[in-house]
N, C-alpha and C. Protein backbone atom coordinates (compact mmCIF):
# COMPACT_ATOMS: atom_id res chain seq x y z
N MET A 1 0.85 -1.17 0.00
CA MET A 1 0.00 0.00 0.00
C MET A 1 0.89 1.23 0.00
N SER A 2 0.39 2.30 -0.58
CA SER A 2 1.16 3.53 -0.65
C SER A 2 0.26 4.73 -0.33
N ILE A 3 0.74 5.59 0.53
CA ILE A 3 0.06 6.84 0.83
C ILE A 3 1.04 7.95 0.52
N THR A 4 0.62 8.85 -0.34
CA THR A 4 1.44 9.97 -0.81
C THR A 4 2.83 9.51 -1.25
N GLY A 5 2.87 8.39 -1.96
CA GLY A 5 4.11 7.92 -2.53
C GLY A 5 5.02 7.17 -1.58
N VAL A 6 4.61 6.97 -0.34
CA VAL A 6 5.41 6.25 0.63
C VAL A 6 4.80 4.87 0.84
N ASP A 7 5.59 3.82 0.63
CA ASP A 7 5.09 2.47 0.83
C ASP A 7 4.82 2.21 2.31
N ILE A 8 3.70 1.57 2.56
CA ILE A 8 3.32 1.22 3.93
C ILE A 8 3.04 -0.28 3.95
N ARG A 9 3.64 -0.95 4.88
CA ARG A 9 3.44 -2.40 5.01
C ARG A 9 2.40 -2.66 6.10
N LEU A 10 1.31 -3.28 5.68
CA LEU A 10 0.25 -3.64 6.60
C LEU A 10 0.22 -5.14 6.80
N THR A 11 -0.15 -5.56 7.99
CA THR A 11 -0.39 -6.98 8.22
C THR A 11 -1.68 -7.34 7.48
N PRO A 12 -1.93 -8.61 7.25
CA PRO A 12 -3.19 -8.99 6.62
C PRO A 12 -4.42 -8.49 7.39
N THR A 13 -4.37 -8.53 8.70
CA THR A 13 -5.50 -8.06 9.50
C THR A 13 -5.66 -6.55 9.38
N GLU A 14 -4.56 -5.81 9.41
CA GLU A 14 -4.64 -4.35 9.23
C GLU A 14 -5.21 -4.01 7.86
N PHE A 15 -4.82 -4.74 6.86
CA PHE A 15 -5.34 -4.51 5.51
C PHE A 15 -6.85 -4.77 5.47
N ASP A 16 -7.28 -5.88 6.05
CA ASP A 16 -8.70 -6.21 6.09
C ASP A 16 -9.49 -5.16 6.86
N LEU A 17 -8.92 -4.65 7.93
CA LEU A 17 -9.56 -3.59 8.72
C LEU A 17 -9.69 -2.32 7.90
N LEU A 18 -8.62 -1.94 7.23
CA LEU A 18 -8.65 -0.75 6.37
C LEU A 18 -9.67 -0.92 5.25
N ARG A 19 -9.71 -2.08 4.66
CA ARG A 19 -10.67 -2.34 3.59
C ARG A 19 -12.11 -2.24 4.11
N ALA A 20 -12.37 -2.77 5.30
CA ALA A 20 -13.71 -2.71 5.88
C ALA A 20 -14.13 -1.26 6.11
N LEU A 21 -13.21 -0.43 6.58
CA LEU A 21 -13.52 0.98 6.80
C LEU A 21 -13.66 1.74 5.48
N ALA A 22 -12.86 1.37 4.50
CA ALA A 22 -12.87 2.07 3.21
C ALA A 22 -14.12 1.76 2.39
N ARG A 23 -14.81 0.69 2.71
CA ARG A 23 -16.04 0.37 1.98
C ARG A 23 -17.10 1.44 2.16
N VAL A 24 -17.06 2.10 3.31
CA VAL A 24 -18.05 3.15 3.62
C VAL A 24 -17.32 4.37 4.18
N PRO A 25 -16.53 5.05 3.35
CA PRO A 25 -15.72 6.16 3.83
C PRO A 25 -16.57 7.24 4.50
N GLY A 26 -16.08 7.67 5.65
CA GLY A 26 -16.76 8.73 6.40
C GLY A 26 -17.88 8.23 7.29
N GLN A 27 -18.31 7.00 7.11
CA GLN A 27 -19.38 6.44 7.93
C GLN A 27 -18.78 5.59 9.05
N VAL A 28 -19.38 5.69 10.22
CA VAL A 28 -18.89 4.93 11.36
C VAL A 28 -19.27 3.46 11.19
N VAL A 29 -18.28 2.60 11.39
CA VAL A 29 -18.48 1.16 11.39
C VAL A 29 -18.32 0.70 12.83
N SER A 30 -19.31 0.01 13.36
CA SER A 30 -19.27 -0.40 14.77
C SER A 30 -18.20 -1.45 15.01
N ARG A 31 -17.76 -1.54 16.24
CA ARG A 31 -16.78 -2.57 16.61
C ARG A 31 -17.35 -3.95 16.31
N GLU A 32 -18.64 -4.14 16.59
CA GLU A 32 -19.27 -5.44 16.36
C GLU A 32 -19.26 -5.79 14.87
N GLU A 33 -19.52 -4.80 14.01
CA GLU A 33 -19.48 -5.05 12.56
C GLU A 33 -18.06 -5.41 12.13
N LEU A 34 -17.08 -4.70 12.67
CA LEU A 34 -15.68 -4.99 12.32
C LEU A 34 -15.27 -6.37 12.81
N LEU A 35 -15.68 -6.73 14.01
CA LEU A 35 -15.36 -8.06 14.53
C LEU A 35 -15.94 -9.15 13.64
N ALA A 36 -17.16 -8.94 13.19
CA ALA A 36 -17.81 -9.94 12.32
C ALA A 36 -17.16 -9.97 10.94
N ASP A 37 -16.84 -8.80 10.39
CA ASP A 37 -16.31 -8.71 9.03
C ASP A 37 -14.85 -9.11 8.94
N VAL A 38 -14.02 -8.56 9.81
CA VAL A 38 -12.57 -8.76 9.72
C VAL A 38 -12.13 -10.05 10.40
N TRP A 39 -12.68 -10.32 11.58
CA TRP A 39 -12.24 -11.47 12.36
C TRP A 39 -13.20 -12.66 12.30
N ASP A 40 -14.37 -12.47 11.69
CA ASP A 40 -15.39 -13.50 11.64
C ASP A 40 -15.79 -13.95 13.05
N TRP A 41 -15.93 -12.94 13.95
CA TRP A 41 -16.35 -13.17 15.33
C TRP A 41 -17.67 -12.44 15.57
N PRO A 42 -18.78 -12.96 15.12
CA PRO A 42 -20.04 -12.21 15.23
C PRO A 42 -20.53 -12.02 16.67
N ASP A 43 -20.06 -12.82 17.60
CA ASP A 43 -20.56 -12.72 18.99
C ASP A 43 -19.49 -12.28 19.98
N ALA A 44 -18.52 -11.50 19.55
CA ALA A 44 -17.38 -11.17 20.40
C ALA A 44 -17.44 -9.73 20.90
N SER A 45 -18.60 -9.26 21.31
CA SER A 45 -18.68 -7.88 21.79
C SER A 45 -17.87 -7.72 23.06
N GLY A 46 -17.39 -6.49 23.27
CA GLY A 46 -16.64 -6.20 24.48
C GLY A 46 -15.14 -6.44 24.37
N THR A 47 -14.68 -7.02 23.28
CA THR A 47 -13.26 -7.28 23.14
C THR A 47 -12.53 -6.01 22.70
N ARG A 48 -11.29 -5.88 23.07
CA ARG A 48 -10.47 -4.72 22.70
C ARG A 48 -9.61 -5.00 21.46
N THR A 49 -9.84 -6.11 20.82
CA THR A 49 -9.07 -6.48 19.64
C THR A 49 -9.13 -5.40 18.57
N VAL A 50 -10.33 -4.91 18.28
CA VAL A 50 -10.49 -3.89 17.25
C VAL A 50 -9.68 -2.65 17.62
N ASP A 51 -9.80 -2.20 18.86
CA ASP A 51 -9.09 -1.01 19.30
C ASP A 51 -7.58 -1.16 19.15
N SER A 52 -7.06 -2.31 19.50
CA SER A 52 -5.62 -2.56 19.38
C SER A 52 -5.15 -2.51 17.93
N HIS A 53 -5.93 -3.10 17.04
CA HIS A 53 -5.55 -3.10 15.63
C HIS A 53 -5.72 -1.72 15.00
N VAL A 54 -6.73 -0.97 15.42
CA VAL A 54 -6.89 0.39 14.92
C VAL A 54 -5.70 1.24 15.35
N LYS A 55 -5.24 1.05 16.56
CA LYS A 55 -4.07 1.79 17.05
C LYS A 55 -2.86 1.52 16.16
N ALA A 56 -2.65 0.25 15.82
CA ALA A 56 -1.51 -0.11 14.95
C ALA A 56 -1.70 0.47 13.55
N LEU A 57 -2.93 0.43 13.04
CA LEU A 57 -3.22 0.97 11.71
C LEU A 57 -2.98 2.48 11.69
N ARG A 58 -3.43 3.17 12.72
CA ARG A 58 -3.21 4.62 12.81
C ARG A 58 -1.72 4.96 12.79
N ALA A 59 -0.93 4.16 13.49
CA ALA A 59 0.51 4.41 13.54
C ALA A 59 1.13 4.32 12.14
N LYS A 60 0.54 3.51 11.29
CA LYS A 60 1.10 3.32 9.96
C LYS A 60 0.54 4.28 8.92
N ILE A 61 -0.76 4.63 9.01
CA ILE A 61 -1.37 5.47 7.97
C ILE A 61 -1.63 6.90 8.42
N GLY A 62 -1.42 7.17 9.69
CA GLY A 62 -1.66 8.50 10.23
C GLY A 62 -2.93 8.54 11.06
N GLY A 63 -2.82 9.08 12.24
CA GLY A 63 -3.93 9.10 13.18
C GLY A 63 -5.15 9.84 12.71
N ALA A 64 -4.97 10.89 11.90
CA ALA A 64 -6.10 11.69 11.44
C ALA A 64 -6.97 10.95 10.42
N ARG A 65 -6.49 9.85 9.89
CA ARG A 65 -7.24 9.13 8.87
C ARG A 65 -8.33 8.22 9.45
N VAL A 66 -8.21 7.87 10.72
CA VAL A 66 -9.21 7.00 11.35
C VAL A 66 -9.84 7.75 12.51
N ARG A 67 -11.11 8.07 12.36
CA ARG A 67 -11.85 8.81 13.40
C ARG A 67 -12.54 7.83 14.34
N THR A 68 -12.46 8.13 15.63
CA THR A 68 -13.14 7.34 16.63
C THR A 68 -14.51 7.93 16.92
N ALA A 69 -15.52 7.09 16.90
CA ALA A 69 -16.85 7.46 17.37
C ALA A 69 -16.97 6.76 18.72
N HIS A 70 -16.67 7.49 19.80
CA HIS A 70 -16.56 6.89 21.13
C HIS A 70 -17.79 6.07 21.49
N GLY A 71 -17.53 4.85 21.92
CA GLY A 71 -18.59 3.94 22.32
C GLY A 71 -19.28 3.26 21.16
N VAL A 72 -18.87 3.58 19.92
CA VAL A 72 -19.56 3.00 18.75
C VAL A 72 -18.58 2.25 17.86
N GLY A 73 -17.62 2.98 17.26
CA GLY A 73 -16.70 2.35 16.32
C GLY A 73 -15.77 3.35 15.68
N TYR A 74 -15.47 3.14 14.40
CA TYR A 74 -14.47 3.94 13.71
C TYR A 74 -14.94 4.29 12.30
N ALA A 75 -14.38 5.37 11.77
CA ALA A 75 -14.65 5.78 10.39
C ALA A 75 -13.34 6.19 9.73
N LEU A 76 -13.22 5.91 8.45
CA LEU A 76 -12.06 6.32 7.68
C LEU A 76 -12.33 7.70 7.11
N GLU A 77 -11.41 8.63 7.34
CA GLU A 77 -11.57 10.03 6.94
C GLU A 77 -10.42 10.45 6.05
N ASP A 78 -10.65 11.55 5.31
CA ASP A 78 -9.60 12.17 4.52
C ASP A 78 -9.16 13.43 5.27
N PRO A 79 -8.02 13.37 5.94
CA PRO A 79 -7.59 14.51 6.75
C PRO A 79 -7.33 15.77 5.94
N ALA A 80 -7.00 15.63 4.66
CA ALA A 80 -6.71 16.81 3.83
C ALA A 80 -7.96 17.63 3.57
N SER A 81 -9.10 16.96 3.43
CA SER A 81 -10.33 17.68 3.13
C SER A 81 -11.16 17.93 4.38
N GLY A 82 -10.70 17.38 5.50
CA GLY A 82 -11.44 17.57 6.75
C GLY A 82 -12.70 16.74 6.83
N GLY A 83 -12.79 15.71 6.01
CA GLY A 83 -14.00 14.88 6.04
C GLY A 83 -13.77 13.52 5.43
N ALA A 84 -14.84 12.96 4.93
CA ALA A 84 -14.79 11.60 4.39
C ALA A 84 -13.95 11.52 3.13
N LEU A 85 -13.38 10.39 2.92
CA LEU A 85 -12.65 10.12 1.69
C LEU A 85 -13.65 10.06 0.55
N GLU A 86 -13.24 10.48 -0.64
CA GLU A 86 -14.14 10.41 -1.79
C GLU A 86 -13.59 9.50 -2.83
């Protein structure tokens, strides 16, 4: 993967997480939806797995690109435009 011409190496799980968020740019995806989609854990509410992987993803792609909706989930944003990716 490349952001602004710089190669970024993602783990398979980080890539799947980014892909899940990129499917609906700017829209919040719940932790439960991410657990079901990325990890195939439909009944794993309350786990911090998503949060840990989002932290690692942010470190690689930039913190401003992943917005937290506290108590709900995450959304992929375009920090340059101040909103959702287009």
